[in-house]
Amino acid sequence: MAECSYVLESSIADCRPDSKKEFSKNLKAIHSKPVVIHSHDGFCIHCGNDIEFNPKKPYCDKCFSTWNKYGNKDYEESVCHGCGDVFLDLSMNIPQCATCYKAWKKGERGIQRKTG
């Protein structure tokens, strides 16, 4: 099982930023831009790229093709599909943070991240 985890981590590393520090730096830069709300925007739960908001399809095409090789719906990801912020314990089964999920269940779009 450890081999599978290693293979998965190494195969999807190409769609992640080089480091958590770089990822955090990119998020800080994004958060400093003016707010532009596009109600259809979502974020890939793996790499954070902008994609169409659809909690049933929370991956960009590139990350989905890699994820689909294994199909583990509980594989931990770190980007909320709704707001794009970094959280622990997100997955295909739970692609949104609690705040975005609650807003989405109420029929609202959820939190919007600042984008430019």
PDB file of N, CA and C in Angstrom:
ATOM      1  N   MET A   1       0.821  -1.195   0.000  1.00  0.00           N
ATOM      2  CA  MET A   1       0.000   0.000   0.000  1.00  0.00           C
ATOM      3  C   MET A   1       0.866   1.262   0.000  1.00  0.00           C
ATOM      4  N   ALA A   2       1.997   1.206   0.722  1.00  0.00           N
ATOM      5  CA  ALA A   2       2.904   2.351   0.753  1.00  0.00           C
ATOM      6  C   ALA A   2       3.441   2.642  -0.646  1.00  0.00           C
ATOM      7  N   GLU A   3       3.664   1.587  -1.436  1.00  0.00           N
ATOM      8  CA  GLU A   3       4.143   1.783  -2.802  1.00  0.00           C
ATOM      9  C   GLU A   3       3.122   2.550  -3.626  1.00  0.00           C
ATOM     10  N   CYS A   4       1.837   2.221  -3.449  1.00  0.00           N
ATOM     11  CA  CYS A   4       0.775   2.911  -4.194  1.00  0.00           C
ATOM     12  C   CYS A   4       0.761   4.392  -3.848  1.00  0.00           C
ATOM     13  N   SER A   5       0.897   4.698  -2.558  1.00  0.00           N
ATOM     14  CA  SER A   5       0.912   6.098  -2.149  1.00  0.00           C
ATOM     15  C   SER A   5       2.088   6.824  -2.776  1.00  0.00           C
ATOM     16  N   TYR A   6       3.247   6.185  -2.772  1.00  0.00           N
ATOM     17  CA  TYR A   6       4.434   6.807  -3.355  1.00  0.00           C
ATOM     18  C   TYR A   6       4.249   7.036  -4.855  1.00  0.00           C
ATOM     19  N   VAL A   7       3.718   6.046  -5.554  1.00  0.00           N
ATOM     20  CA  VAL A   7       3.503   6.164  -6.998  1.00  0.00           C
ATOM     21  C   VAL A   7       2.532   7.291  -7.283  1.00  0.00           C
ATOM     22  N   LEU A   8       1.450   7.366  -6.519  1.00  0.00           N
ATOM     23  CA  LEU A   8       0.462   8.412  -6.726  1.00  0.00           C
ATOM     24  C   LEU A   8       1.069   9.785  -6.466  1.00  0.00           C
ATOM     25  N   GLU A   9       1.787   9.933  -5.357  1.00  0.00           N
ATOM     26  CA  GLU A   9       2.414  11.219  -5.042  1.00  0.00           C
ATOM     27  C   GLU A   9       3.390  11.637  -6.128  1.00  0.00           C
ATOM     28  N   SER A  10       4.217  10.705  -6.587  1.00  0.00           N
ATOM     29  CA  SER A  10       5.218  11.083  -7.580  1.00  0.00           C
ATOM     30  C   SER A  10       4.585  11.354  -8.939  1.00  0.00           C
ATOM     31  N   SER A  11       3.489  10.692  -9.262  1.00  0.00           N
ATOM     32  CA  SER A  11       2.876  10.892 -10.575  1.00  0.00           C
ATOM     33  C   SER A  11       2.066  12.173 -10.653  1.00  0.00           C
ATOM     34  N   ILE A  12       1.572  12.668  -9.519  1.00  0.00           N
ATOM     35  CA  ILE A  12       0.786  13.901  -9.573  1.00  0.00           C
ATOM     36  C   ILE A  12       1.599  15.121  -9.191  1.00  0.00           C
ATOM     37  N   ALA A  13       2.846  14.921  -8.864  1.00  0.00           N
ATOM     38  CA  ALA A  13       3.692  16.049  -8.475  1.00  0.00           C
ATOM     39  C   ALA A  13       3.833  17.060  -9.604  1.00  0.00           C
ATOM     40  N   ASP A  14       3.696  16.624 -10.850  1.00  0.00           N
ATOM     41  CA  ASP A  14       3.873  17.548 -11.959  1.00  0.00           C
ATOM     42  C   ASP A  14       2.775  18.587 -12.055  1.00  0.00           C
ATOM     43  N   CYS A  15       1.604  18.390 -11.427  1.00  0.00           N
ATOM     44  CA  CYS A  15       0.578  19.429 -11.480  1.00  0.00           C
ATOM     45  C   CYS A  15       0.516  20.262 -10.217  1.00  0.00           C
ATOM     46  N   ARG A  16       1.362  19.991  -9.250  1.00  0.00           N
ATOM     47  CA  ARG A  16       1.396  20.786  -8.032  1.00  0.00           C
ATOM     48  C   ARG A  16       2.516  21.810  -8.107  1.00  0.00           C
ATOM     49  N   PRO A  17       2.360  22.910  -7.355  1.00  0.00           N
ATOM     50  CA  PRO A  17       3.479  23.847  -7.275  1.00  0.00           C
ATOM     51  C   PRO A  17       4.695  23.140  -6.680  1.00  0.00           C
ATOM     52  N   ASP A  18       5.880  23.701  -6.926  1.00  0.00           N
ATOM     53  CA  ASP A  18       7.113  23.061  -6.472  1.00  0.00           C
ATOM     54  C   ASP A  18       7.177  22.878  -4.968  1.00  0.00           C
ATOM     55  N   SER A  19       6.575  23.757  -4.206  1.00  0.00           N
ATOM     56  CA  SER A  19       6.646  23.626  -2.758  1.00  0.00           C
ATOM     57  C   SER A  19       5.430  24.263  -2.118  1.00  0.00           C
ATOM     58  N   LYS A  20       5.184  23.900  -0.854  1.00  0.00           N
ATOM     59  CA  LYS A  20       4.081  24.520  -0.119  1.00  0.00           C
ATOM     60  C   LYS A  20       4.338  26.015   0.048  1.00  0.00           C
ATOM     61  N   LYS A  21       5.621  26.383   0.203  1.00  0.00           N
ATOM     62  CA  LYS A  21       5.971  27.791   0.346  1.00  0.00           C
ATOM     63  C   LYS A  21       5.589  28.554  -0.916  1.00  0.00           C
ATOM     64  N   GLU A  22       5.899  27.990  -2.083  1.00  0.00           N
ATOM     65  CA  GLU A  22       5.552  28.628  -3.354  1.00  0.00           C
ATOM     66  C   GLU A  22       4.035  28.709  -3.514  1.00  0.00           C
ATOM     67  N   PHE A  23       3.338  27.639  -3.120  1.00  0.00           N
ATOM     68  CA  PHE A  23       1.885  27.606  -3.211  1.00  0.00           C
ATOM     69  C   PHE A  23       1.281  28.706  -2.339  1.00  0.00           C
ATOM     70  N   SER A  24       1.769  28.836  -1.092  1.00  0.00           N
ATOM     71  CA  SER A  24       1.276  29.873  -0.188  1.00  0.00           C
ATOM     72  C   SER A  24       1.565  31.259  -0.741  1.00  0.00           C
ATOM     73  N   LYS A  25       2.748  31.431  -1.325  1.00  0.00           N
ATOM     74  CA  LYS A  25       3.124  32.714  -1.921  1.00  0.00           C
ATOM     75  C   LYS A  25       2.153  33.067  -3.052  1.00  0.00           C
ATOM     76  N   ASN A  26       1.823  32.078  -3.890  1.00  0.00           N
ATOM     77  CA  ASN A  26       0.889  32.311  -4.993  1.00  0.00           C
ATOM     78  C   ASN A  26      -0.491  32.686  -4.476  1.00  0.00           C
ATOM     79  N   LEU A  27      -0.943  32.005  -3.410  1.00  0.00           N
ATOM     80  CA  LEU A  27      -2.252  32.329  -2.846  1.00  0.00           C
ATOM     81  C   LEU A  27      -2.266  33.739  -2.269  1.00  0.00           C
ATOM     82  N   LYS A  28      -1.188  34.141  -1.600  1.00  0.00           N
ATOM     83  CA  LYS A  28      -1.122  35.494  -1.051  1.00  0.00           C
ATOM     84  C   LYS A  28      -1.196  36.522  -2.176  1.00  0.00           C
ATOM     85  N   ALA A  29      -0.522  36.263  -3.277  1.00  0.00           N
ATOM     86  CA  ALA A  29      -0.556  37.182  -4.414  1.00  0.00           C
ATOM     87  C   ALA A  29      -1.968  37.270  -4.984  1.00  0.00           C
ATOM     88  N   ILE A  30      -2.645  36.148  -5.067  1.00  0.00           N
ATOM     89  CA  ILE A  30      -4.022  36.122  -5.575  1.00  0.00           C
ATOM     90  C   ILE A  30      -4.944  36.900  -4.652  1.00  0.00           C
ATOM     91  N   HIS A  31      -4.774  36.719  -3.340  1.00  0.00           N
ATOM     92  CA  HIS A  31      -5.634  37.395  -2.368  1.00  0.00           C
ATOM     93  C   HIS A  31      -5.433  38.907  -2.354  1.00  0.00           C
ATOM     94  N   SER A  32      -4.330  39.400  -2.862  1.00  0.00           N
ATOM     95  CA  SER A  32      -4.075  40.834  -2.851  1.00  0.00           C
ATOM     96  C   SER A  32      -4.686  41.545  -4.060  1.00  0.00           C
ATOM     97  N   LYS A  33      -5.226  40.798  -5.013  1.00  0.00           N
ATOM     98  CA  LYS A  33      -5.820  41.389  -6.211  1.00  0.00           C
ATOM     99  C   LYS A  33      -7.269  41.801  -5.930  1.00  0.00           C
ATOM    100  N   PRO A  34      -7.823  42.711  -6.744  1.00  0.00           N
ATOM    101  CA  PRO A  34      -9.220  43.118  -6.550  1.00  0.00           C
ATOM    102  C   PRO A  34     -10.180  41.943  -6.739  1.00  0.00           C
ATOM    103  N   VAL A  35     -11.329  42.052  -6.118  1.00  0.00           N
ATOM    104  CA  VAL A  35     -12.320  40.983  -6.197  1.00  0.00           C
ATOM    105  C   VAL A  35     -13.087  41.080  -7.510  1.00  0.00           C
ATOM    106  N   VAL A  36     -13.112  39.994  -8.238  1.00  0.00           N
ATOM    107  CA  VAL A  36     -13.928  39.875  -9.438  1.00  0.00           C
ATOM    108  C   VAL A  36     -14.688  38.567  -9.280  1.00  0.00           C
ATOM    109  N   ILE A  37     -16.002  38.644  -9.200  1.00  0.00           N
ATOM    110  CA  ILE A  37     -16.782  37.439  -8.935  1.00  0.00           C
ATOM    111  C   ILE A  37     -17.355  36.881 -10.227  1.00  0.00           C
ATOM    112  N   HIS A  38     -17.064  35.621 -10.469  1.00  0.00           N
ATOM    113  CA  HIS A  38     -17.635  34.873 -11.575  1.00  0.00           C
ATOM    114  C   HIS A  38     -18.336  33.679 -10.926  1.00  0.00           C
ATOM    115  N   SER A  39     -19.642  33.660 -10.948  1.00  0.00           N
ATOM    116  CA  SER A  39     -20.377  32.656 -10.183  1.00  0.00           C
ATOM    117  C   SER A  39     -20.122  31.231 -10.659  1.00  0.00           C
ATOM    118  N   HIS A  40     -19.581  31.058 -11.855  1.00  0.00           N
ATOM    119  CA  HIS A  40     -19.326  29.711 -12.359  1.00  0.00           C
ATOM    120  C   HIS A  40     -17.936  29.209 -11.982  1.00  0.00           C
ATOM    121  N   ASP A  41     -17.095  30.056 -11.426  1.00  0.00           N
ATOM    122  CA  ASP A  41     -15.722  29.656 -11.141  1.00  0.00           C
ATOM    123  C   ASP A  41     -15.622  28.728  -9.938  1.00  0.00           C
ATOM    124  N   GLY A  42     -14.781  27.736 -10.102  1.00  0.00           N
ATOM    125  CA  GLY A  42     -14.410  26.840  -9.014  1.00  0.00           C
ATOM    126  C   GLY A  42     -12.910  26.659  -9.100  1.00  0.00           C
ATOM    127  N   PHE A  43     -12.377  25.797  -8.283  1.00  0.00           N
ATOM    128  CA  PHE A  43     -10.940  25.583  -8.237  1.00  0.00           C
ATOM    129  C   PHE A  43     -10.651  24.096  -8.181  1.00  0.00           C
ATOM    130  N   CYS A  44      -9.643  23.662  -8.914  1.00  0.00           N
ATOM    131  CA  CYS A  44      -9.212  22.274  -8.861  1.00  0.00           C
ATOM    132  C   CYS A  44      -8.736  21.989  -7.441  1.00  0.00           C
ATOM    133  N   ILE A  45      -9.242  20.928  -6.837  1.00  0.00           N
ATOM    134  CA  ILE A  45      -8.896  20.626  -5.449  1.00  0.00           C
ATOM    135  C   ILE A  45      -7.476  20.112  -5.298  1.00  0.00           C
ATOM    136  N   HIS A  46      -6.821  19.828  -6.413  1.00  0.00           N
ATOM    137  CA  HIS A  46      -5.445  19.346  -6.353  1.00  0.00           C
ATOM    138  C   HIS A  46      -4.434  20.455  -6.619  1.00  0.00           C
ATOM    139  N   CYS A  47      -4.586  21.151  -7.748  1.00  0.00           N
ATOM    140  CA  CYS A  47      -3.565  22.143  -8.135  1.00  0.00           C
ATOM    141  C   CYS A  47      -4.019  23.585  -7.919  1.00  0.00           C
ATOM    142  N   GLY A  48      -5.325  23.810  -7.712  1.00  0.00           N
ATOM    143  CA  GLY A  48      -5.826  25.156  -7.466  1.00  0.00           C
ATOM    144  C   GLY A  48      -6.146  25.966  -8.710  1.00  0.00           C
ATOM    145  N   ASN A  49      -5.999  25.379  -9.898  1.00  0.00           N
ATOM    146  CA  ASN A  49      -6.332  26.106 -11.127  1.00  0.00           C
ATOM    147  C   ASN A  49      -7.818  26.429 -11.178  1.00  0.00           C
ATOM    148  N   ASP A  50      -8.159  27.530 -11.847  1.00  0.00           N
ATOM    149  CA  ASP A  50      -9.559  27.906 -12.029  1.00  0.00           C
ATOM    150  C   ASP A  50     -10.233  26.908 -12.960  1.00  0.00           C
ATOM    151  N   ILE A  51     -11.395  26.416 -12.531  1.00  0.00           N
ATOM    152  CA  ILE A  51     -12.215  25.521 -13.348  1.00  0.00           C
ATOM    153  C   ILE A  51     -13.677  25.871 -13.104  1.00  0.00           C
ATOM    154  N   GLU A  52     -14.560  25.259 -13.852  1.00  0.00           N
ATOM    155  CA  GLU A  52     -15.987  25.464 -13.644  1.00  0.00           C
ATOM    156  C   GLU A  52     -16.378  24.907 -12.285  1.00  0.00           C
ATOM    157  N   PHE A  53     -17.241  25.624 -11.564  1.00  0.00           N
ATOM    158  CA  PHE A  53     -17.703  25.154 -10.255  1.00  0.00           C
ATOM    159  C   PHE A  53     -18.676  23.998 -10.446  1.00  0.00           C
ATOM    160  N   ASN A  54     -18.280  22.824  -9.991  1.00  0.00           N
ATOM    161  CA  ASN A  54     -19.117  21.637 -10.030  1.00  0.00           C
ATOM    162  C   ASN A  54     -18.561  20.669  -8.986  1.00  0.00           C
ATOM    163  N   PRO A  55     -19.170  20.618  -7.790  1.00  0.00           N
ATOM    164  CA  PRO A  55     -18.656  19.758  -6.723  1.00  0.00           C
ATOM    165  C   PRO A  55     -18.553  18.279  -7.100  1.00  0.00           C
ATOM    166  N   LYS A  56     -19.256  17.860  -8.141  1.00  0.00           N
ATOM    167  CA  LYS A  56     -19.137  16.469  -8.579  1.00  0.00           C
ATOM    168  C   LYS A  56     -17.931  16.269  -9.499  1.00  0.00           C
ATOM    169  N   LYS A  57     -17.344  17.379  -9.985  1.00  0.00           N
ATOM    170  CA  LYS A  57     -16.165  17.324 -10.857  1.00  0.00           C
ATOM    171  C   LYS A  57     -15.156  18.378 -10.379  1.00  0.00           C
ATOM    172  N   PRO A  58     -14.519  18.130  -9.212  1.00  0.00           N
ATOM    173  CA  PRO A  58     -13.668  19.160  -8.618  1.00  0.00           C
ATOM    174  C   PRO A  58     -12.218  19.181  -9.087  1.00  0.00           C
ATOM    175  N   TYR A  59     -11.885  18.449 -10.148  1.00  0.00           N
ATOM    176  CA  TYR A  59     -10.517  18.420 -10.670  1.00  0.00           C
ATOM    177  C   TYR A  59     -10.450  19.075 -12.043  1.00  0.00           C
ATOM    178  N   CYS A  60      -9.308  19.698 -12.364  1.00  0.00           N
ATOM    179  CA  CYS A  60      -9.071  20.131 -13.742  1.00  0.00           C
ATOM    180  C   CYS A  60      -8.817  18.858 -14.561  1.00  0.00           C
ATOM    181  N   ASP A  61      -8.819  18.968 -15.870  1.00  0.00           N
ATOM    182  CA  ASP A  61      -8.652  17.786 -16.732  1.00  0.00           C
ATOM    183  C   ASP A  61      -7.349  17.049 -16.459  1.00  0.00           C
ATOM    184  N   LYS A  62      -6.258  17.793 -16.305  1.00  0.00           N
ATOM    185  CA  LYS A  62      -4.952  17.173 -16.092  1.00  0.00           C
ATOM    186  C   LYS A  62      -4.911  16.391 -14.774  1.00  0.00           C
ATOM    187  N   CYS A  63      -5.369  17.016 -13.704  1.00  0.00           N
ATOM    188  CA  CYS A  63      -5.341  16.344 -12.396  1.00  0.00           C
ATOM    189  C   CYS A  63      -6.354  15.205 -12.333  1.00  0.00           C
ATOM    190  N   PHE A  64      -7.501  15.365 -13.008  1.00  0.00           N
ATOM    191  CA  PHE A  64      -8.483  14.288 -13.011  1.00  0.00           C
ATOM    192  C   PHE A  64      -7.941  13.045 -13.698  1.00  0.00           C
ATOM    193  N   SER A  65      -7.245  13.228 -14.812  1.00  0.00           N
ATOM    194  CA  SER A  65      -6.730  12.051 -15.521  1.00  0.00           C
ATOM    195  C   SER A  65      -5.740  11.279 -14.651  1.00  0.00           C
ATOM    196  N   THR A  66      -4.957  11.991 -13.849  1.00  0.00           N
ATOM    197  CA  THR A  66      -4.036  11.319 -12.933  1.00  0.00           C
ATOM    198  C   THR A  66      -4.805  10.672 -11.794  1.00  0.00           C
ATOM    199  N   TRP A  67      -5.743  11.411 -11.187  1.00  0.00           N
ATOM    200  CA  TRP A  67      -6.546  10.871 -10.080  1.00  0.00           C
ATOM    201  C   TRP A  67      -7.330   9.641 -10.545  1.00  0.00           C
ATOM    202  N   ASN A  68      -7.839   9.686 -11.755  1.00  0.00           N
ATOM    203  CA  ASN A  68      -8.704   8.620 -12.272  1.00  0.00           C
ATOM    204  C   ASN A  68      -7.966   7.289 -12.440  1.00  0.00           C
ATOM    205  N   LYS A  69      -6.653   7.317 -12.543  1.00  0.00           N
ATOM    206  CA  LYS A  69      -5.884   6.070 -12.637  1.00  0.00           C
ATOM    207  C   LYS A  69      -6.076   5.215 -11.384  1.00  0.00           C
ATOM    208  N   TYR A  70      -6.291   5.874 -10.249  1.00  0.00           N
ATOM    209  CA  TYR A  70      -6.439   5.178  -8.973  1.00  0.00           C
ATOM    210  C   TYR A  70      -7.876   5.230  -8.461  1.00  0.00           C
ATOM    211  N   GLY A  71      -8.572   6.331  -8.698  1.00  0.00           N
ATOM    212  CA  GLY A  71      -9.977   6.456  -8.351  1.00  0.00           C
ATOM    213  C   GLY A  71     -10.280   6.462  -6.866  1.00  0.00           C
ATOM    214  N   ASN A  72      -9.330   6.860  -6.038  1.00  0.00           N
ATOM    215  CA  ASN A  72      -9.553   6.875  -4.593  1.00  0.00           C
ATOM    216  C   ASN A  72     -10.294   8.154  -4.213  1.00  0.00           C
ATOM    217  N   LYS A  73     -11.595   8.049  -3.955  1.00  0.00           N
ATOM    218  CA  LYS A  73     -12.413   9.221  -3.647  1.00  0.00           C
ATOM    219  C   LYS A  73     -12.068   9.846  -2.303  1.00  0.00           C
ATOM    220  N   ASP A  74     -11.297   9.139  -1.481  1.00  0.00           N
ATOM    221  CA  ASP A  74     -10.886   9.672  -0.185  1.00  0.00           C
ATOM    222  C   ASP A  74      -9.449  10.194  -0.194  1.00  0.00           C
ATOM    223  N   TYR A  75      -8.786  10.207  -1.361  1.00  0.00           N
ATOM    224  CA  TYR A  75      -7.413  10.698  -1.444  1.00  0.00           C
ATOM    225  C   TYR A  75      -7.391  12.164  -1.024  1.00  0.00           C
ATOM    226  N   GLU A  76      -6.561  12.490  -0.051  1.00  0.00           N
ATOM    227  CA  GLU A  76      -6.547  13.836   0.510  1.00  0.00           C
ATOM    228  C   GLU A  76      -5.957  14.872  -0.440  1.00  0.00           C
ATOM    229  N   GLU A  77      -6.735  15.926  -0.621  1.00  0.00           N
ATOM    230  CA  GLU A  77      -6.312  17.075  -1.412  1.00  0.00           C
ATOM    231  C   GLU A  77      -6.309  18.283  -0.489  1.00  0.00           C
ATOM    232  N   SER A  78      -5.913  19.452  -1.020  1.00  0.00           N
ATOM    233  CA  SER A  78      -5.733  20.572  -0.099  1.00  0.00           C
ATOM    234  C   SER A  78      -6.326  21.911  -0.543  1.00  0.00           C
ATOM    235  N   VAL A  79      -7.053  21.952  -1.659  1.00  0.00           N
ATOM    236  CA  VAL A  79      -7.619  23.217  -2.133  1.00  0.00           C
ATOM    237  C   VAL A  79      -9.139  23.100  -2.175  1.00  0.00           C
ATOM    238  N   CYS A  80      -9.823  24.064  -1.557  1.00  0.00           N
ATOM    239  CA  CYS A  80     -11.290  24.060  -1.565  1.00  0.00           C
ATOM    240  C   CYS A  80     -11.793  24.368  -2.974  1.00  0.00           C
ATOM    241  N   HIS A  81     -12.720  23.565  -3.450  1.00  0.00           N
ATOM    242  CA  HIS A  81     -13.291  23.745  -4.786  1.00  0.00           C
ATOM    243  C   HIS A  81     -14.112  25.036  -4.868  1.00  0.00           C
ATOM    244  N   GLY A  82     -14.655  25.485  -3.738  1.00  0.00           N
ATOM    245  CA  GLY A  82     -15.500  26.673  -3.730  1.00  0.00           C
ATOM    246  C   GLY A  82     -14.747  27.987  -3.634  1.00  0.00           C
ATOM    247  N   CYS A  83     -13.797  28.074  -2.695  1.00  0.00           N
ATOM    248  CA  CYS A  83     -13.122  29.359  -2.469  1.00  0.00           C
ATOM    249  C   CYS A  83     -11.652  29.357  -2.874  1.00  0.00           C
ATOM    250  N   GLY A  84     -11.054  28.193  -3.079  1.00  0.00           N
ATOM    251  CA  GLY A  84      -9.667  28.120  -3.507  1.00  0.00           C
ATOM    252  C   GLY A  84      -8.655  28.221  -2.386  1.00  0.00           C
ATOM    253  N   ASP A  85      -9.119  28.315  -1.139  1.00  0.00           N
ATOM    254  CA  ASP A  85      -8.185  28.394  -0.019  1.00  0.00           C
ATOM    255  C   ASP A  85      -7.677  26.998   0.343  1.00  0.00           C
ATOM    256  N   VAL A  86      -6.560  26.967   1.056  1.00  0.00           N
ATOM    257  CA  VAL A  86      -5.926  25.703   1.440  1.00  0.00           C
ATOM    258  C   VAL A  86      -6.551  25.172   2.733  1.00  0.00           C
ATOM    259  N   PHE A  87      -6.976  23.930   2.693  1.00  0.00           N
ATOM    260  CA  PHE A  87      -7.542  23.234   3.850  1.00  0.00           C
ATOM    261  C   PHE A  87      -7.015  21.813   3.853  1.00  0.00           C
ATOM    262  N   LEU A  88      -7.046  21.181   5.005  1.00  0.00           N
ATOM    263  CA  LEU A  88      -6.672  19.777   5.107  1.00  0.00           C
ATOM    264  C   LEU A  88      -7.924  18.914   4.949  1.00  0.00           C
ATOM    265  N   ASP A  89      -7.738  17.685   4.580  1.00  0.00           N
ATOM    266  CA  ASP A  89      -8.812  16.680   4.536  1.00  0.00           C
ATOM    267  C   ASP A  89      -9.889  16.916   3.491  1.00  0.00           C
ATOM    268  N   LEU A  90      -9.560  17.558   2.392  1.00  0.00           N
ATOM    269  CA  LEU A  90     -10.509  17.652   1.286  1.00  0.00           C
ATOM    270  C   LEU A  90     -10.262  16.475   0.362  1.00  0.00           C
ATOM    271  N   SER A  91     -11.263  16.101  -0.421  1.00  0.00           N
ATOM    272  CA  SER A  91     -11.143  14.951  -1.317  1.00  0.00           C
ATOM    273  C   SER A  91     -12.235  15.027  -2.368  1.00  0.00           C
ATOM    274  N   MET A  92     -12.273  14.037  -3.259  1.00  0.00           N
ATOM    275  CA  MET A  92     -13.354  13.961  -4.237  1.00  0.00           C
ATOM    276  C   MET A  92     -14.701  13.857  -3.500  1.00  0.00           C
ATOM    277  N   ASN A  93     -14.722  13.130  -2.390  1.00  0.00           N
ATOM    278  CA  ASN A  93     -15.954  13.005  -1.603  1.00  0.00           C
ATOM    279  C   ASN A  93     -16.319  14.293  -0.879  1.00  0.00           C
ATOM    280  N   ILE A  94     -15.327  15.057  -0.455  1.00  0.00           N
ATOM    281  CA  ILE A  94     -15.543  16.302   0.277  1.00  0.00           C
ATOM    282  C   ILE A  94     -14.672  17.378  -0.372  1.00  0.00           C
ATOM    283  N   PRO A  95     -15.148  17.974  -1.482  1.00  0.00           N
ATOM    284  CA  PRO A  95     -14.305  18.906  -2.229  1.00  0.00           C
ATOM    285  C   PRO A  95     -14.339  20.356  -1.740  1.00  0.00           C
ATOM    286  N   GLN A  96     -15.190  20.662  -0.749  1.00  0.00           N
ATOM    287  CA  GLN A  96     -15.322  22.042  -0.296  1.00  0.00           C
ATOM    288  C   GLN A  96     -15.065  22.148   1.204  1.00  0.00           C
ATOM    289  N   CYS A  97     -14.592  23.328   1.628  1.00  0.00           N
ATOM    290  CA  CYS A  97     -14.460  23.585   3.057  1.00  0.00           C
ATOM    291  C   CYS A  97     -15.870  23.673   3.647  1.00  0.00           C
ATOM    292  N   ALA A  98     -15.974  23.627   4.959  1.00  0.00           N
ATOM    293  CA  ALA A  98     -17.283  23.628   5.624  1.00  0.00           C
ATOM    294  C   ALA A  98     -18.098  24.870   5.283  1.00  0.00           C
ATOM    295  N   THR A  99     -17.467  26.021   5.228  1.00  0.00           N
ATOM    296  CA  THR A  99     -18.180  27.263   4.937  1.00  0.00           C
ATOM    297  C   THR A  99     -18.781  27.254   3.534  1.00  0.00           C
ATOM    298  N   CYS A 100     -17.986  26.858   2.556  1.00  0.00           N
ATOM    299  CA  CYS A 100     -18.484  26.808   1.174  1.00  0.00           C
ATOM    300  C   CYS A 100     -19.562  25.740   1.017  1.00  0.00           C
ATOM    301  N   TYR A 101     -19.373  24.606   1.676  1.00  0.00           N
ATOM    302  CA  TYR A 101     -20.358  23.524   1.583  1.00  0.00           C
ATOM    303  C   TYR A 101     -21.699  23.977   2.148  1.00  0.00           C
ATOM    304  N   LYS A 102     -21.673  24.614   3.313  1.00  0.00           N
ATOM    305  CA  LYS A 102     -22.932  25.078   3.930  1.00  0.00           C
ATOM    306  C   LYS A 102     -23.626  26.098   3.037  1.00  0.00           C
ATOM    307  N   ALA A 103     -22.858  27.028   2.472  1.00  0.00           N
ATOM    308  CA  ALA A 103     -23.441  28.033   1.582  1.00  0.00           C
ATOM    309  C   ALA A 103     -24.025  27.375   0.334  1.00  0.00           C
ATOM    310  N   TRP A 104     -23.299  26.401  -0.223  1.00  0.00           N
ATOM    311  CA  TRP A 104     -23.763  25.699  -1.415  1.00  0.00           C
ATOM    312  C   TRP A 104     -25.056  24.937  -1.127  1.00  0.00           C
ATOM    313  N   LYS A 105     -25.151  24.300   0.042  1.00  0.00           N
ATOM    314  CA  LYS A 105     -26.365  23.557   0.395  1.00  0.00           C
ATOM    315  C   LYS A 105     -27.565  24.488   0.563  1.00  0.00           C
ATOM    316  N   LYS A 106     -27.311  25.730   0.943  1.00  0.00           N
ATOM    317  CA  LYS A 106     -28.380  26.725   1.080  1.00  0.00           C
ATOM    318  C   LYS A 106     -28.770  27.308  -0.271  1.00  0.00           C
ATOM    319  N   GLY A 107     -28.073  26.911  -1.319  1.00  0.00           N
ATOM    320  CA  GLY A 107     -28.365  27.431  -2.649  1.00  0.00           C
ATOM    321  C   GLY A 107     -27.553  28.658  -2.992  1.00  0.00           C
ATOM    322  N   GLU A 108     -26.612  29.000  -2.122  1.00  0.00           N
ATOM    323  CA  GLU A 108     -25.729  30.125  -2.394  1.00  0.00           C
ATOM    324  C   GLU A 108     -24.479  29.583  -3.070  1.00  0.00           C
ATOM    325  N   ARG A 109     -23.688  30.430  -3.624  1.00  0.00           N
ATOM    326  CA  ARG A 109     -22.481  30.007  -4.326  1.00  0.00           C
ATOM    327  C   ARG A 109     -21.336  29.717  -3.366  1.00  0.00           C
ATOM    328  N   GLY A 110     -21.331  30.300  -2.194  1.00  0.00           N
ATOM    329  CA  GLY A 110     -20.227  30.111  -1.260  1.00  0.00           C
ATOM    330  C   GLY A 110     -19.278  31.286  -1.303  1.00  0.00           C
ATOM    331  N   ILE A 111     -18.183  31.154  -0.652  1.00  0.00           N
ATOM    332  CA  ILE A 111     -17.194  32.220  -0.572  1.00  0.00           C
ATOM    333  C   ILE A 111     -16.523  32.383  -1.933  1.00  0.00           C
ATOM    334  N   GLN A 112     -16.220  33.590  -2.287  1.00  0.00           N
ATOM    335  CA  GLN A 112     -15.475  33.848  -3.508  1.00  0.00           C
ATOM    336  C   GLN A 112     -14.073  34.293  -3.159  1.00  0.00           C
ATOM    337  N   ARG A 113     -13.101  33.683  -3.775  1.00  0.00           N
ATOM    338  CA  ARG A 113     -11.717  34.089  -3.603  1.00  0.00           C
ATOM    339  C   ARG A 113     -11.471  35.306  -4.468  1.00  0.00           C
ATOM    340  N   LYS A 114     -10.536  36.129  -4.061  1.00  0.00           N
ATOM    341  CA  LYS A 114     -10.160  37.299  -4.857  1.00  0.00           C
ATOM    342  C   LYS A 114      -9.395  36.826  -6.073  1.00  0.00           C
ATOM    343  N   THR A 115      -9.855  37.199  -7.250  1.00  0.00           N
ATOM    344  CA  THR A 115      -9.157  36.852  -8.487  1.00  0.00           C
ATOM    345  C   THR A 115      -9.021  38.099  -9.324  1.00  0.00           C
ATOM    346  N   GLY A 116      -8.119  38.060 -10.292  1.00  0.00           N
ATOM    347  CA  GLY A 116      -7.866  39.270 -11.085  1.00  0.00           C
ATOM    348  C   GLY A 116      -8.123  39.142 -12.504  1.00  0.00           C
TER     349      GLY A 116
END
